[in-house]
Amino acid sequence: MDEPASFRLLNIQGMELRSGTLRPEFSSIDVQMLAPATPAMYILYVQQAGTEYSVRFVKQ
C-alpha cells in the first residue's frame, strides 16, 4: 500500500461496524470487538485511488 486507503467493515446484514483510514505505515484493522461467542461473517470494503476491493471473512 503506497497511499492511504479508506475502509468500511460491515456485518452480513449490512450494518457498518467500523470505518477509518489505513495508512502505509499502519495497515491493520483490529477485529477483536467482533462477535466473540459464535462464528460470524463480515464484509470488508477498502477503497484506494478510485478502486474498491471487498473481501468476506468469518471470525470464529
PDB file of N, CA and C in Angstrom:
ATOM      1  N   MET A   1       0.854  -1.160   0.000  1.00  0.00           N
ATOM      2  CA  MET A   1       0.000   0.000   0.000  1.00  0.00           C
ATOM      3  C   MET A   1       0.902   1.224   0.000  1.00  0.00           C
ATOM      4  N   ASP A   2       0.809   2.035  -1.039  1.00  0.00           N
ATOM      5  CA  ASP A   2       1.663   3.206  -1.169  1.00  0.00           C
ATOM      6  C   ASP A   2       1.017   4.490  -0.670  1.00  0.00           C
ATOM      7  N   GLU A   3      -0.305   4.526  -0.645  1.00  0.00           N
ATOM      8  CA  GLU A   3      -1.021   5.725  -0.218  1.00  0.00           C
ATOM      9  C   GLU A   3      -2.169   5.327   0.695  1.00  0.00           C
ATOM     10  N   PRO A   4      -2.724   6.277   1.455  1.00  0.00           N
ATOM     11  CA  PRO A   4      -3.824   5.942   2.363  1.00  0.00           C
ATOM     12  C   PRO A   4      -5.020   5.333   1.629  1.00  0.00           C
ATOM     13  N   ALA A   5      -5.740   4.492   2.339  1.00  0.00           N
ATOM     14  CA  ALA A   5      -6.954   3.873   1.800  1.00  0.00           C
ATOM     15  C   ALA A   5      -8.032   3.968   2.872  1.00  0.00           C
ATOM     16  N   SER A   6      -9.277   4.110   2.455  1.00  0.00           N
ATOM     17  CA  SER A   6     -10.370   4.117   3.423  1.00  0.00           C
ATOM     18  C   SER A   6     -10.971   2.717   3.484  1.00  0.00           C
ATOM     19  N   PHE A   7     -11.529   2.387   4.658  1.00  0.00           N
ATOM     20  CA  PHE A   7     -12.155   1.075   4.796  1.00  0.00           C
ATOM     21  C   PHE A   7     -13.482   1.193   5.523  1.00  0.00           C
ATOM     22  N   ARG A   8     -14.342   0.210   5.250  1.00  0.00           N
ATOM     23  CA  ARG A   8     -15.613   0.048   5.962  1.00  0.00           C
ATOM     24  C   ARG A   8     -15.746  -1.434   6.291  1.00  0.00           C
ATOM     25  N   LEU A   9     -16.125  -1.731   7.514  1.00  0.00           N
ATOM     26  CA  LEU A   9     -16.341  -3.103   7.956  1.00  0.00           C
ATOM     27  C   LEU A   9     -17.816  -3.255   8.291  1.00  0.00           C
ATOM     28  N   LEU A  10     -18.489  -4.194   7.603  1.00  0.00           N
ATOM     29  CA  LEU A  10     -19.924  -4.400   7.781  1.00  0.00           C
ATOM     30  C   LEU A  10     -20.196  -5.820   8.249  1.00  0.00           C
ATOM     31  N   ASN A  11     -21.298  -5.977   8.993  1.00  0.00           N
ATOM     32  CA  ASN A  11     -21.737  -7.334   9.282  1.00  0.00           C
ATOM     33  C   ASN A  11     -22.533  -7.834   8.077  1.00  0.00           C
ATOM     34  N   ILE A  12     -22.944  -9.069   8.101  1.00  0.00           N
ATOM     35  CA  ILE A  12     -23.592  -9.676   6.934  1.00  0.00           C
ATOM     36  C   ILE A  12     -24.963  -9.038   6.656  1.00  0.00           C
ATOM     37  N   GLN A  13     -25.542  -8.361   7.663  1.00  0.00           N
ATOM     38  CA  GLN A  13     -26.811  -7.669   7.467  1.00  0.00           C
ATOM     39  C   GLN A  13     -26.612  -6.282   6.841  1.00  0.00           C
ATOM     40  N   GLY A  14     -25.365  -5.854   6.682  1.00  0.00           N
ATOM     41  CA  GLY A  14     -25.078  -4.582   6.049  1.00  0.00           C
ATOM     42  C   GLY A  14     -24.864  -3.423   7.011  1.00  0.00           C
ATOM     43  N   MET A  15     -24.896  -3.677   8.323  1.00  0.00           N
ATOM     44  CA  MET A  15     -24.678  -2.620   9.300  1.00  0.00           C
ATOM     45  C   MET A  15     -23.184  -2.316   9.407  1.00  0.00           C
ATOM     46  N   GLU A  16     -22.841  -1.040   9.271  1.00  0.00           N
ATOM     47  CA  GLU A  16     -21.435  -0.647   9.374  1.00  0.00           C
ATOM     48  C   GLU A  16     -20.984  -0.723  10.830  1.00  0.00           C
ATOM     49  N   LEU A  17     -19.933  -1.498  11.078  1.00  0.00           N
ATOM     50  CA  LEU A  17     -19.419  -1.675  12.417  1.00  0.00           C
ATOM     51  C   LEU A  17     -18.206  -0.795  12.701  1.00  0.00           C
ATOM     52  N   ARG A  18     -17.489  -0.495  11.651  1.00  0.00           N
ATOM     53  CA  ARG A  18     -16.266   0.266  11.817  1.00  0.00           C
ATOM     54  C   ARG A  18     -15.871   0.867  10.471  1.00  0.00           C
ATOM     55  N   SER A  19     -15.231   2.015  10.514  1.00  0.00           N
ATOM     56  CA  SER A  19     -14.696   2.619   9.295  1.00  0.00           C
ATOM     57  C   SER A  19     -13.487   3.454   9.691  1.00  0.00           C
ATOM     58  N   GLY A  20     -12.668   3.753   8.708  1.00  0.00           N
ATOM     59  CA  GLY A  20     -11.485   4.540   9.008  1.00  0.00           C
ATOM     60  C   GLY A  20     -10.540   4.608   7.829  1.00  0.00           C
ATOM     61  N   THR A  21      -9.301   4.955   8.137  1.00  0.00           N
ATOM     62  CA  THR A  21      -8.271   5.107   7.118  1.00  0.00           C
ATOM     63  C   THR A  21      -7.104   4.194   7.422  1.00  0.00           C
ATOM     64  N   LEU A  22      -6.646   3.500   6.405  1.00  0.00           N
ATOM     65  CA  LEU A  22      -5.439   2.680   6.505  1.00  0.00           C
ATOM     66  C   LEU A  22      -4.294   3.483   5.912  1.00  0.00           C
ATOM     67  N   ARG A  23      -3.192   3.517   6.605  1.00  0.00           N
ATOM     68  CA  ARG A  23      -2.017   4.254   6.139  1.00  0.00           C
ATOM     69  C   ARG A  23      -0.892   3.275   5.827  1.00  0.00           C
ATOM     70  N   PRO A  24      -0.001   3.644   4.929  1.00  0.00           N
ATOM     71  CA  PRO A  24       1.084   2.723   4.554  1.00  0.00           C
ATOM     72  C   PRO A  24       1.895   2.230   5.742  1.00  0.00           C
ATOM     73  N   GLU A  25       2.085   3.065   6.751  1.00  0.00           N
ATOM     74  CA  GLU A  25       2.904   2.664   7.890  1.00  0.00           C
ATOM     75  C   GLU A  25       2.131   1.847   8.936  1.00  0.00           C
ATOM     76  N   PHE A  26       0.797   1.817   8.837  1.00  0.00           N
ATOM     77  CA  PHE A  26      -0.021   1.056   9.790  1.00  0.00           C
ATOM     78  C   PHE A  26      -1.273   0.593   9.063  1.00  0.00           C
ATOM     79  N   SER A  27      -1.244  -0.601   8.510  1.00  0.00           N
ATOM     80  CA  SER A  27      -2.352  -1.058   7.670  1.00  0.00           C
ATOM     81  C   SER A  27      -3.029  -2.307   8.215  1.00  0.00           C
ATOM     82  N   SER A  28      -3.396  -2.278   9.498  1.00  0.00           N
ATOM     83  CA  SER A  28      -4.135  -3.400  10.064  1.00  0.00           C
ATOM     84  C   SER A  28      -5.424  -2.893  10.695  1.00  0.00           C
ATOM     85  N   ILE A  29      -6.392  -3.789  10.836  1.00  0.00           N
ATOM     86  CA  ILE A  29      -7.687  -3.454  11.414  1.00  0.00           C
ATOM     87  C   ILE A  29      -7.915  -4.412  12.576  1.00  0.00           C
ATOM     88  N   ASP A  30      -8.165  -3.866  13.756  1.00  0.00           N
ATOM     89  CA  ASP A  30      -8.417  -4.676  14.944  1.00  0.00           C
ATOM     90  C   ASP A  30      -9.847  -5.218  14.877  1.00  0.00           C
ATOM     91  N   VAL A  31     -10.003  -6.536  14.873  1.00  0.00           N
ATOM     92  CA  VAL A  31     -11.336  -7.149  14.807  1.00  0.00           C
ATOM     93  C   VAL A  31     -11.683  -7.896  16.093  1.00  0.00           C
ATOM     94  N   GLN A  32     -10.976  -7.616  17.172  1.00  0.00           N
ATOM     95  CA  GLN A  32     -11.239  -8.300  18.440  1.00  0.00           C
ATOM     96  C   GLN A  32     -12.635  -8.015  18.975  1.00  0.00           C
ATOM     97  N   MET A  33     -13.212  -6.852  18.656  1.00  0.00           N
ATOM     98  CA  MET A  33     -14.529  -6.497  19.172  1.00  0.00           C
ATOM     99  C   MET A  33     -15.677  -7.199  18.448  1.00  0.00           C
ATOM    100  N   LEU A  34     -15.407  -7.972  17.425  1.00  0.00           N
ATOM    101  CA  LEU A  34     -16.456  -8.625  16.643  1.00  0.00           C
ATOM    102  C   LEU A  34     -16.937  -9.908  17.308  1.00  0.00           C
ATOM    103  N   ALA A  35     -18.222 -10.126  17.330  1.00  0.00           N
ATOM    104  CA  ALA A  35     -18.915 -11.336  17.798  1.00  0.00           C
ATOM    105  C   ALA A  35     -18.013 -12.368  18.469  1.00  0.00           C
ATOM    106  N   PRO A  36     -17.725 -12.207  19.731  1.00  0.00           N
ATOM    107  CA  PRO A  36     -16.768 -13.094  20.380  1.00  0.00           C
ATOM    108  C   PRO A  36     -17.236 -14.532  20.600  1.00  0.00           C
ATOM    109  N   ALA A  37     -18.533 -14.784  20.664  1.00  0.00           N
ATOM    110  CA  ALA A  37     -19.011 -16.109  21.072  1.00  0.00           C
ATOM    111  C   ALA A  37     -19.223 -17.098  19.924  1.00  0.00           C
ATOM    112  N   THR A  38     -19.715 -16.618  18.795  1.00  0.00           N
ATOM    113  CA  THR A  38     -20.060 -17.535  17.710  1.00  0.00           C
ATOM    114  C   THR A  38     -19.403 -17.096  16.403  1.00  0.00           C
ATOM    115  N   PRO A  39     -19.171 -18.031  15.490  1.00  0.00           N
ATOM    116  CA  PRO A  39     -18.640 -17.640  14.178  1.00  0.00           C
ATOM    117  C   PRO A  39     -19.627 -16.712  13.464  1.00  0.00           C
ATOM    118  N   ALA A  40     -19.114 -15.683  12.840  1.00  0.00           N
ATOM    119  CA  ALA A  40     -19.965 -14.738  12.123  1.00  0.00           C
ATOM    120  C   ALA A  40     -19.235 -14.254  10.880  1.00  0.00           C
ATOM    121  N   MET A  41     -20.013 -13.922   9.838  1.00  0.00           N
ATOM    122  CA  MET A  41     -19.431 -13.451   8.586  1.00  0.00           C
ATOM    123  C   MET A  41     -19.447 -11.932   8.540  1.00  0.00           C
ATOM    124  N   TYR A  42     -18.389 -11.359   7.989  1.00  0.00           N
ATOM    125  CA  TYR A  42     -18.236  -9.917   7.854  1.00  0.00           C
ATOM    126  C   TYR A  42     -17.766  -9.596   6.446  1.00  0.00           C
ATOM    127  N   ILE A  43     -17.974  -8.339   6.042  1.00  0.00           N
ATOM    128  CA  ILE A  43     -17.525  -7.870   4.731  1.00  0.00           C
ATOM    129  C   ILE A  43     -16.647  -6.645   4.955  1.00  0.00           C
ATOM    130  N   LEU A  44     -15.481  -6.660   4.370  1.00  0.00           N
ATOM    131  CA  LEU A  44     -14.553  -5.543   4.460  1.00  0.00           C
ATOM    132  C   LEU A  44     -14.425  -4.907   3.081  1.00  0.00           C
ATOM    133  N   TYR A  45     -14.703  -3.610   3.014  1.00  0.00           N
ATOM    134  CA  TYR A  45     -14.522  -2.841   1.786  1.00  0.00           C
ATOM    135  C   TYR A  45     -13.330  -1.909   1.988  1.00  0.00           C
ATOM    136  N   VAL A  46     -12.429  -1.898   1.024  1.00  0.00           N
ATOM    137  CA  VAL A  46     -11.279  -0.992   1.050  1.00  0.00           C
ATOM    138  C   VAL A  46     -11.274  -0.224  -0.256  1.00  0.00           C
ATOM    139  N   GLN A  47     -11.154   1.100  -0.152  1.00  0.00           N
ATOM    140  CA  GLN A  47     -11.119   1.936  -1.350  1.00  0.00           C
ATOM    141  C   GLN A  47      -9.802   2.707  -1.372  1.00  0.00           C
ATOM    142  N   GLN A  48      -9.114   2.595  -2.505  1.00  0.00           N
ATOM    143  CA  GLN A  48      -7.839   3.279  -2.669  1.00  0.00           C
ATOM    144  C   GLN A  48      -7.687   3.707  -4.116  1.00  0.00           C
ATOM    145  N   ALA A  49      -7.336   4.960  -4.304  1.00  0.00           N
ATOM    146  CA  ALA A  49      -7.080   5.512  -5.644  1.00  0.00           C
ATOM    147  C   ALA A  49      -8.217   5.216  -6.622  1.00  0.00           C
ATOM    148  N   GLY A  50      -9.460   5.349  -6.141  1.00  0.00           N
ATOM    149  CA  GLY A  50     -10.609   5.172  -7.017  1.00  0.00           C
ATOM    150  C   GLY A  50     -11.029   3.731  -7.264  1.00  0.00           C
ATOM    151  N   THR A  51     -10.340   2.774  -6.664  1.00  0.00           N
ATOM    152  CA  THR A  51     -10.681   1.362  -6.828  1.00  0.00           C
ATOM    153  C   THR A  51     -11.167   0.808  -5.495  1.00  0.00           C
ATOM    154  N   GLU A  52     -12.262   0.028  -5.536  1.00  0.00           N
ATOM    155  CA  GLU A  52     -12.787  -0.571  -4.320  1.00  0.00           C
ATOM    156  C   GLU A  52     -12.587  -2.082  -4.362  1.00  0.00           C
ATOM    157  N   TYR A  53     -12.123  -2.606  -3.251  1.00  0.00           N
ATOM    158  CA  TYR A  53     -11.912  -4.040  -3.093  1.00  0.00           C
ATOM    159  C   TYR A  53     -12.822  -4.508  -1.973  1.00  0.00           C
ATOM    160  N   SER A  54     -13.279  -5.745  -2.052  1.00  0.00           N
ATOM    161  CA  SER A  54     -14.081  -6.292  -0.960  1.00  0.00           C
ATOM    162  C   SER A  54     -13.646  -7.726  -0.688  1.00  0.00           C
ATOM    163  N   VAL A  55     -13.803  -8.099   0.579  1.00  0.00           N
ATOM    164  CA  VAL A  55     -13.483  -9.461   0.992  1.00  0.00           C
ATOM    165  C   VAL A  55     -14.464  -9.847   2.092  1.00  0.00           C
ATOM    166  N   ARG A  56     -14.924 -11.079   2.025  1.00  0.00           N
ATOM    167  CA  ARG A  56     -15.779 -11.625   3.084  1.00  0.00           C
ATOM    168  C   ARG A  56     -14.918 -12.541   3.928  1.00  0.00           C
ATOM    169  N   PHE A  57     -15.148 -12.494   5.249  1.00  0.00           N
ATOM    170  CA  PHE A  57     -14.396 -13.376   6.129  1.00  0.00           C
ATOM    171  C   PHE A  57     -15.263 -13.782   7.316  1.00  0.00           C
ATOM    172  N   VAL A  58     -14.894 -14.895   7.927  1.00  0.00           N
ATOM    173  CA  VAL A  58     -15.590 -15.412   9.102  1.00  0.00           C
ATOM    174  C   VAL A  58     -14.637 -15.298  10.286  1.00  0.00           C
ATOM    175  N   LYS A  59     -15.140 -14.706  11.361  1.00  0.00           N
ATOM    176  CA  LYS A  59     -14.363 -14.643  12.601  1.00  0.00           C
ATOM    177  C   LYS A  59     -14.935 -15.707  13.529  1.00  0.00           C
ATOM    178  N   GLN A  60     -14.069 -16.559  14.003  1.00  0.00           N
ATOM    179  CA  GLN A  60     -14.513 -17.649  14.883  1.00  0.00           C
ATOM    180  C   GLN A  60     -14.060 -17.421  16.303  1.00  0.00           C
TER     181      GLN A  60
END
